[in-house]
Amino acid sequence: MNIQSERTDQAIEQRVRVLVAERNPLVLSALREMLECDGRFEFFGSVRSGKHFLELATASQFDVAVIGWKLVDMDGADLLAEIQNRKLNVRVTVFSNEHDIGILKQCVRLGAHGYCFQFDEPQIIFETILAVAHGRICIPYIDINKVNDTPLSRLTVRERELLAVLADGWTNLQIATRTGISENTVKYHLKNLYDKLAVRNRAMAVALYSSEKRRGS
């Protein structure tokens, strides 16, 4: 084998394998074409649902996942929360079509490694994916102090205790039994807690709690 062939083989082996999760077939097609035309990437595959993404992520045979903010069965926040709850070892770049600083802050809190916009220049998207593949965090500029000023920092001691037992896997019935209140009262407190955290469910609340604990450790 000559030197040129060896270099070609090495370049192929070093390509970043990218899995794309995106519900819009036009966006998916464009992103796939961009990646396949750039010699630094290998298009690993695509999914349109969070469920299928999580099935592939369990095997973790790709280097970076690029996920759209809206999938057919869940949004990016739900998916990031589920990745954290399952402790999946995947590196994620969010590919958003919404210029919303709130979404960006939520992604950072939920452990996204990269963040770029669908209207960014291809080079920005490529550099974001490469940075994430090499173990770096790559997001647009954001005031870190504002990221850390999360709803969790404004919870009462009792609310943080409730969140902690949720993270330990306690059911509503267990919480009611061990605190001496009714299960309906537990549901009422949980609804208030979710509203205060700006989340929709237990999984997202626990993911935010877990993320904050890791940053503080």
C-alpha atoms as a PDB file:
ATOM      1  CA  MET A   1       0.000   0.000   0.000  1.00  0.00           C
ATOM      2  CA  ASN A   2       1.447   3.394  -0.931  1.00  0.00           C
ATOM      3  CA  ILE A   3       1.614   6.449   1.312  1.00  0.00           C
ATOM      4  CA  GLN A   4      -1.322   8.161  -0.421  1.00  0.00           C
ATOM      5  CA  SER A   5      -3.560   5.133   0.166  1.00  0.00           C
ATOM      6  CA  GLU A   6      -2.550   4.994   3.826  1.00  0.00           C
ATOM      7  CA  ARG A   7      -3.445   8.658   4.274  1.00  0.00           C
ATOM      8  CA  THR A   8      -6.802   8.106   2.585  1.00  0.00           C
ATOM      9  CA  ASP A   9      -7.589   5.161   4.875  1.00  0.00           C
ATOM     10  CA  GLN A  10      -6.600   7.178   7.940  1.00  0.00           C
ATOM     11  CA  ALA A  11      -8.818  10.067   6.844  1.00  0.00           C
ATOM     12  CA  ILE A  12     -11.783   7.708   6.460  1.00  0.00           C
ATOM     13  CA  GLU A  13     -11.161   6.186   9.887  1.00  0.00           C
ATOM     14  CA  GLN A  14     -10.967   9.618  11.492  1.00  0.00           C
ATOM     15  CA  ARG A  15     -14.244  10.884  10.081  1.00  0.00           C
ATOM     16  CA  VAL A  16     -16.735  11.993  12.702  1.00  0.00           C
ATOM     17  CA  ARG A  17     -19.774   9.710  12.657  1.00  0.00           C
ATOM     18  CA  VAL A  18     -22.910  11.842  12.924  1.00  0.00           C
ATOM     19  CA  LEU A  19     -26.413  10.669  13.786  1.00  0.00           C
ATOM     20  CA  VAL A  20     -29.154  13.163  12.955  1.00  0.00           C
ATOM     21  CA  ALA A  21     -32.533  13.337  14.716  1.00  0.00           C
ATOM     22  CA  GLU A  22     -34.862  15.661  12.810  1.00  0.00           C
ATOM     23  CA  ARG A  23     -38.571  15.517  11.978  1.00  0.00           C
ATOM     24  CA  ASN A  24     -38.465  17.809   8.916  1.00  0.00           C
ATOM     25  CA  PRO A  25     -37.432  15.739   5.860  1.00  0.00           C
ATOM     26  CA  LEU A  26     -36.247  18.829   3.955  1.00  0.00           C
ATOM     27  CA  VAL A  27     -33.950  19.919   6.778  1.00  0.00           C
ATOM     28  CA  LEU A  28     -32.736  16.343   7.175  1.00  0.00           C
ATOM     29  CA  SER A  29     -31.979  16.008   3.466  1.00  0.00           C
ATOM     30  CA  ALA A  30     -30.051  19.286   3.392  1.00  0.00           C
ATOM     31  CA  LEU A  31     -28.035  18.432   6.476  1.00  0.00           C
ATOM     32  CA  ARG A  32     -27.240  14.962   5.172  1.00  0.00           C
ATOM     33  CA  GLU A  33     -26.016  16.363   1.842  1.00  0.00           C
ATOM     34  CA  MET A  34     -23.842  18.921   3.622  1.00  0.00           C
ATOM     35  CA  LEU A  35     -22.240  16.296   5.835  1.00  0.00           C
ATOM     36  CA  GLU A  36     -21.661  13.804   3.026  1.00  0.00           C
ATOM     37  CA  CYS A  37     -19.994  16.474   0.872  1.00  0.00           C
ATOM     38  CA  ASP A  38     -17.505  17.287   3.628  1.00  0.00           C
ATOM     39  CA  GLY A  39     -14.735  14.710   3.973  1.00  0.00           C
ATOM     40  CA  ARG A  40     -14.483  15.170   7.741  1.00  0.00           C
ATOM     41  CA  PHE A  41     -17.840  13.512   8.435  1.00  0.00           C
ATOM     42  CA  GLU A  42     -19.577  10.193   7.987  1.00  0.00           C
ATOM     43  CA  PHE A  43     -23.369  10.281   7.946  1.00  0.00           C
ATOM     44  CA  PHE A  44     -24.179   7.510  10.426  1.00  0.00           C
ATOM     45  CA  GLY A  45     -27.945   7.608   9.976  1.00  0.00           C
ATOM     46  CA  SER A  46     -31.105   9.523  10.789  1.00  0.00           C
ATOM     47  CA  VAL A  47     -34.237   9.192  12.920  1.00  0.00           C
ATOM     48  CA  ARG A  48     -37.357  11.292  13.250  1.00  0.00           C
ATOM     49  CA  SER A  49     -38.437  10.291  16.755  1.00  0.00           C
ATOM     50  CA  GLY A  50     -36.893  10.488  20.185  1.00  0.00           C
ATOM     51  CA  LYS A  51     -37.811   6.869  20.829  1.00  0.00           C
ATOM     52  CA  HIS A  52     -35.727   5.616  17.898  1.00  0.00           C
ATOM     53  CA  PHE A  53     -32.906   7.974  18.825  1.00  0.00           C
ATOM     54  CA  LEU A  54     -32.730   6.533  22.342  1.00  0.00           C
ATOM     55  CA  GLU A  55     -32.629   3.000  20.941  1.00  0.00           C
ATOM     56  CA  LEU A  56     -29.588   3.875  18.809  1.00  0.00           C
ATOM     57  CA  ALA A  57     -27.977   5.941  21.560  1.00  0.00           C
ATOM     58  CA  THR A  58     -27.914   2.923  23.852  1.00  0.00           C
ATOM     59  CA  ALA A  59     -25.450   1.240  21.487  1.00  0.00           C
ATOM     60  CA  SER A  60     -23.538   4.543  21.105  1.00  0.00           C
ATOM     61  CA  GLN A  61     -21.794   3.673  17.828  1.00  0.00           C
ATOM     62  CA  PHE A  62     -21.678   7.260  16.600  1.00  0.00           C
ATOM     63  CA  ASP A  63     -19.527  10.199  17.706  1.00  0.00           C
ATOM     64  CA  VAL A  64     -21.977  13.106  17.759  1.00  0.00           C
ATOM     65  CA  ALA A  65     -25.752  13.362  17.652  1.00  0.00           C
ATOM     66  CA  VAL A  66     -27.298  16.388  15.966  1.00  0.00           C
ATOM     67  CA  ILE A  67     -30.879  16.787  17.167  1.00  0.00           C
ATOM     68  CA  GLY A  68     -33.562  19.165  15.998  1.00  0.00           C
ATOM     69  CA  TRP A  69     -35.540  20.954  18.681  1.00  0.00           C
ATOM     70  CA  LYS A  70     -38.824  19.375  17.592  1.00  0.00           C
ATOM     71  CA  LEU A  71     -39.108  15.637  16.854  1.00  0.00           C
ATOM     72  CA  VAL A  72     -42.269  13.734  15.955  1.00  0.00           C
ATOM     73  CA  ASP A  73     -42.834  12.460  19.503  1.00  0.00           C
ATOM     74  CA  MET A  74     -40.964  14.848  21.808  1.00  0.00           C
ATOM     75  CA  ASP A  75     -38.988  18.056  21.847  1.00  0.00           C
ATOM     76  CA  GLY A  76     -35.301  18.592  22.518  1.00  0.00           C
ATOM     77  CA  ALA A  77     -35.780  19.292  26.224  1.00  0.00           C
ATOM     78  CA  ASP A  78     -37.587  15.986  26.748  1.00  0.00           C
ATOM     79  CA  LEU A  79     -34.906  14.112  24.815  1.00  0.00           C
ATOM     80  CA  LEU A  80     -32.007  15.744  26.672  1.00  0.00           C
ATOM     81  CA  ALA A  81     -33.739  14.983  29.973  1.00  0.00           C
ATOM     82  CA  GLU A  82     -34.188  11.342  28.990  1.00  0.00           C
ATOM     83  CA  ILE A  83     -30.533  11.083  27.925  1.00  0.00           C
ATOM     84  CA  GLN A  84     -29.493  12.318  31.362  1.00  0.00           C
ATOM     85  CA  ASN A  85     -31.931  10.093  33.219  1.00  0.00           C
ATOM     86  CA  ARG A  86     -30.704   7.019  31.349  1.00  0.00           C
ATOM     87  CA  LYS A  87     -27.067   8.125  31.824  1.00  0.00           C
ATOM     88  CA  LEU A  88     -26.346   7.615  28.136  1.00  0.00           C
ATOM     89  CA  ASN A  89     -22.815   8.427  27.045  1.00  0.00           C
ATOM     90  CA  VAL A  90     -23.619  10.468  23.949  1.00  0.00           C
ATOM     91  CA  ARG A  91     -22.404  13.876  22.827  1.00  0.00           C
ATOM     92  CA  VAL A  92     -25.246  16.065  21.592  1.00  0.00           C
ATOM     93  CA  THR A  93     -25.454  19.181  19.439  1.00  0.00           C
ATOM     94  CA  VAL A  94     -28.839  20.851  19.262  1.00  0.00           C
ATOM     95  CA  PHE A  95     -29.739  22.095  15.766  1.00  0.00           C
ATOM     96  CA  SER A  96     -32.426  24.687  16.429  1.00  0.00           C
ATOM     97  CA  ASN A  97     -34.614  26.694  14.083  1.00  0.00           C
ATOM     98  CA  GLU A  98     -35.694  29.061  16.862  1.00  0.00           C
ATOM     99  CA  HIS A  99     -33.646  32.065  17.936  1.00  0.00           C
ATOM    100  CA  ASP A 100     -34.815  31.864  21.539  1.00  0.00           C
ATOM    101  CA  ILE A 101     -32.291  32.491  24.328  1.00  0.00           C
ATOM    102  CA  GLY A 102     -34.586  30.579  26.688  1.00  0.00           C
ATOM    103  CA  ILE A 103     -34.189  27.415  24.625  1.00  0.00           C
ATOM    104  CA  LEU A 104     -30.416  27.849  24.540  1.00  0.00           C
ATOM    105  CA  LYS A 105     -30.257  28.259  28.329  1.00  0.00           C
ATOM    106  CA  GLN A 106     -32.479  25.221  28.813  1.00  0.00           C
ATOM    107  CA  CYS A 107     -30.212  23.136  26.556  1.00  0.00           C
ATOM    108  CA  VAL A 108     -27.130  24.180  28.526  1.00  0.00           C
ATOM    109  CA  ARG A 109     -28.811  23.267  31.811  1.00  0.00           C
ATOM    110  CA  LEU A 110     -29.868  19.897  30.386  1.00  0.00           C
ATOM    111  CA  GLY A 111     -26.356  18.990  29.303  1.00  0.00           C
ATOM    112  CA  ALA A 112     -26.176  19.741  25.556  1.00  0.00           C
ATOM    113  CA  HIS A 113     -22.553  19.898  24.383  1.00  0.00           C
ATOM    114  CA  GLY A 114     -23.173  22.036  21.305  1.00  0.00           C
ATOM    115  CA  TYR A 115     -25.783  24.399  19.958  1.00  0.00           C
ATOM    116  CA  CYS A 116     -26.203  25.933  16.525  1.00  0.00           C
ATOM    117  CA  PHE A 117     -28.967  27.370  14.390  1.00  0.00           C
ATOM    118  CA  GLN A 118     -30.371  26.000  11.149  1.00  0.00           C
ATOM    119  CA  PHE A 119     -29.779  29.402   9.556  1.00  0.00           C
ATOM    120  CA  ASP A 120     -26.060  29.422  10.495  1.00  0.00           C
ATOM    121  CA  GLU A 121     -23.429  29.174   7.778  1.00  0.00           C
ATOM    122  CA  PRO A 122     -22.399  25.529   7.092  1.00  0.00           C
ATOM    123  CA  GLN A 123     -18.898  26.223   8.413  1.00  0.00           C
ATOM    124  CA  ILE A 124     -20.296  27.224  11.811  1.00  0.00           C
ATOM    125  CA  ILE A 125     -22.354  24.036  11.947  1.00  0.00           C
ATOM    126  CA  PHE A 126     -19.349  21.918  10.947  1.00  0.00           C
ATOM    127  CA  GLU A 127     -17.041  23.546  13.509  1.00  0.00           C
ATOM    128  CA  THR A 128     -19.641  23.048  16.240  1.00  0.00           C
ATOM    129  CA  ILE A 129     -19.945  19.330  15.461  1.00  0.00           C
ATOM    130  CA  LEU A 130     -16.160  18.915  15.303  1.00  0.00           C
ATOM    131  CA  ALA A 131     -15.642  20.720  18.612  1.00  0.00           C
ATOM    132  CA  VAL A 132     -18.224  18.514  20.325  1.00  0.00           C
ATOM    133  CA  ALA A 133     -16.684  15.388  18.771  1.00  0.00           C
ATOM    134  CA  HIS A 134     -13.336  16.357  20.321  1.00  0.00           C
ATOM    135  CA  GLY A 135     -14.788  16.737  23.800  1.00  0.00           C
ATOM    136  CA  ARG A 136     -15.381  20.482  23.904  1.00  0.00           C
ATOM    137  CA  ILE A 137     -18.463  22.543  24.656  1.00  0.00           C
ATOM    138  CA  CYS A 138     -19.473  24.757  21.742  1.00  0.00           C
ATOM    139  CA  ILE A 139     -22.425  27.101  22.172  1.00  0.00           C
ATOM    140  CA  PRO A 140     -23.180  30.703  21.102  1.00  0.00           C
ATOM    141  CA  TYR A 141     -22.116  33.385  23.535  1.00  0.00           C
ATOM    142  CA  ILE A 142     -24.270  33.487  26.626  1.00  0.00           C
ATOM    143  CA  ASP A 143     -23.826  35.084  30.042  1.00  0.00           C
ATOM    144  CA  ILE A 144     -22.910  32.133  32.277  1.00  0.00           C
ATOM    145  CA  ASN A 145     -24.209  33.976  35.341  1.00  0.00           C
ATOM    146  CA  LYS A 146     -27.642  34.087  33.734  1.00  0.00           C
ATOM    147  CA  VAL A 147     -27.481  30.382  32.928  1.00  0.00           C
ATOM    148  CA  ASN A 148     -26.733  29.567  36.541  1.00  0.00           C
ATOM    149  CA  ASP A 149     -29.595  31.763  37.713  1.00  0.00           C
ATOM    150  CA  THR A 150     -31.987  28.888  37.228  1.00  0.00           C
ATOM    151  CA  PRO A 151     -35.438  28.331  38.739  1.00  0.00           C
ATOM    152  CA  LEU A 152     -33.783  25.731  41.008  1.00  0.00           C
ATOM    153  CA  SER A 153     -31.854  28.461  42.766  1.00  0.00           C
ATOM    154  CA  ARG A 154     -35.150  30.062  43.778  1.00  0.00           C
ATOM    155  CA  LEU A 155     -36.777  26.958  45.248  1.00  0.00           C
ATOM    156  CA  THR A 156     -37.605  26.776  48.943  1.00  0.00           C
ATOM    157  CA  VAL A 157     -35.878  24.215  51.154  1.00  0.00           C
ATOM    158  CA  ARG A 158     -39.043  22.071  51.178  1.00  0.00           C
ATOM    159  CA  GLU A 159     -39.318  22.219  47.392  1.00  0.00           C
ATOM    160  CA  ARG A 160     -35.689  21.149  46.988  1.00  0.00           C
ATOM    161  CA  GLU A 161     -36.322  18.248  49.371  1.00  0.00           C
ATOM    162  CA  LEU A 162     -39.285  17.200  47.220  1.00  0.00           C
ATOM    163  CA  LEU A 163     -37.140  17.398  44.097  1.00  0.00           C
ATOM    164  CA  ALA A 164     -34.437  15.304  45.765  1.00  0.00           C
ATOM    165  CA  VAL A 165     -36.810  12.449  46.565  1.00  0.00           C
ATOM    166  CA  LEU A 166     -38.130  12.581  42.999  1.00  0.00           C
ATOM    167  CA  ALA A 167     -34.545  12.119  41.839  1.00  0.00           C
ATOM    168  CA  ASP A 168     -34.264   9.125  44.190  1.00  0.00           C
ATOM    169  CA  GLY A 169     -37.188   7.525  42.370  1.00  0.00           C
ATOM    170  CA  TRP A 170     -39.909   7.947  44.969  1.00  0.00           C
ATOM    171  CA  THR A 171     -43.467   7.530  43.652  1.00  0.00           C
ATOM    172  CA  ASN A 172     -46.318   9.859  44.576  1.00  0.00           C
ATOM    173  CA  LEU A 173     -47.671   7.192  46.917  1.00  0.00           C
ATOM    174  CA  GLN A 174     -44.299   6.808  48.668  1.00  0.00           C
ATOM    175  CA  ILE A 175     -44.019  10.561  49.132  1.00  0.00           C
ATOM    176  CA  ALA A 176     -47.554  10.716  50.549  1.00  0.00           C
ATOM    177  CA  THR A 177     -46.983   7.787  52.919  1.00  0.00           C
ATOM    178  CA  ARG A 178     -43.662   9.062  54.260  1.00  0.00           C
ATOM    179  CA  THR A 179     -44.733  12.686  54.680  1.00  0.00           C
ATOM    180  CA  GLY A 180     -48.212  12.031  56.035  1.00  0.00           C
ATOM    181  CA  ILE A 181     -50.141  13.924  53.361  1.00  0.00           C
ATOM    182  CA  SER A 182     -52.627  12.698  50.765  1.00  0.00           C
ATOM    183  CA  GLU A 183     -51.586  11.613  47.288  1.00  0.00           C
ATOM    184  CA  ASN A 184     -53.721  14.397  45.810  1.00  0.00           C
ATOM    185  CA  THR A 185     -51.822  16.913  47.910  1.00  0.00           C
ATOM    186  CA  VAL A 186     -48.567  15.477  46.599  1.00  0.00           C
ATOM    187  CA  LYS A 187     -49.829  15.955  43.037  1.00  0.00           C
ATOM    188  CA  TYR A 188     -50.746  19.545  43.863  1.00  0.00           C
ATOM    189  CA  HIS A 189     -47.252  20.259  45.232  1.00  0.00           C
ATOM    190  CA  LEU A 190     -45.644  18.594  42.215  1.00  0.00           C
ATOM    191  CA  LYS A 191     -47.679  20.712  39.811  1.00  0.00           C
ATOM    192  CA  ASN A 192     -46.548  23.860  41.607  1.00  0.00           C
ATOM    193  CA  LEU A 193     -42.967  22.609  41.520  1.00  0.00           C
ATOM    194  CA  TYR A 194     -43.110  21.909  37.772  1.00  0.00           C
ATOM    195  CA  ASP A 195     -44.616  25.349  37.144  1.00  0.00           C
ATOM    196  CA  LYS A 196     -41.864  26.991  39.141  1.00  0.00           C
ATOM    197  CA  LEU A 197     -39.180  25.075  37.223  1.00  0.00           C
ATOM    198  CA  ALA A 198     -40.889  25.751  33.872  1.00  0.00           C
ATOM    199  CA  VAL A 199     -40.927  22.022  33.075  1.00  0.00           C
ATOM    200  CA  ARG A 200     -43.742  19.727  32.045  1.00  0.00           C
ATOM    201  CA  ASN A 201     -43.019  16.500  33.863  1.00  0.00           C
ATOM    202  CA  ARG A 202     -41.053  14.578  36.458  1.00  0.00           C
ATOM    203  CA  ALA A 203     -38.305  13.491  34.044  1.00  0.00           C
ATOM    204  CA  MET A 204     -37.448  17.070  33.077  1.00  0.00           C
ATOM    205  CA  ALA A 205     -37.475  18.208  36.712  1.00  0.00           C
ATOM    206  CA  VAL A 206     -35.136  15.395  37.743  1.00  0.00           C
ATOM    207  CA  ALA A 207     -32.825  16.084  34.794  1.00  0.00           C
ATOM    208  CA  LEU A 208     -32.480  19.742  35.826  1.00  0.00           C
ATOM    209  CA  TYR A 209     -31.781  18.694  39.415  1.00  0.00           C
ATOM    210  CA  SER A 210     -29.169  16.129  38.342  1.00  0.00           C
ATOM    211  CA  SER A 211     -27.451  18.612  36.050  1.00  0.00           C
ATOM    212  CA  GLU A 212     -27.158  21.183  38.833  1.00  0.00           C
ATOM    213  CA  LYS A 213     -25.732  18.589  41.225  1.00  0.00           C
ATOM    214  CA  ARG A 214     -23.033  17.632  38.693  1.00  0.00           C
ATOM    215  CA  ARG A 215     -22.036  21.262  38.180  1.00  0.00           C
ATOM    216  CA  GLY A 216     -21.780  21.748  41.929  1.00  0.00           C
ATOM    217  CA  SER A 217     -19.749  18.616  42.617  1.00  0.00           C
END
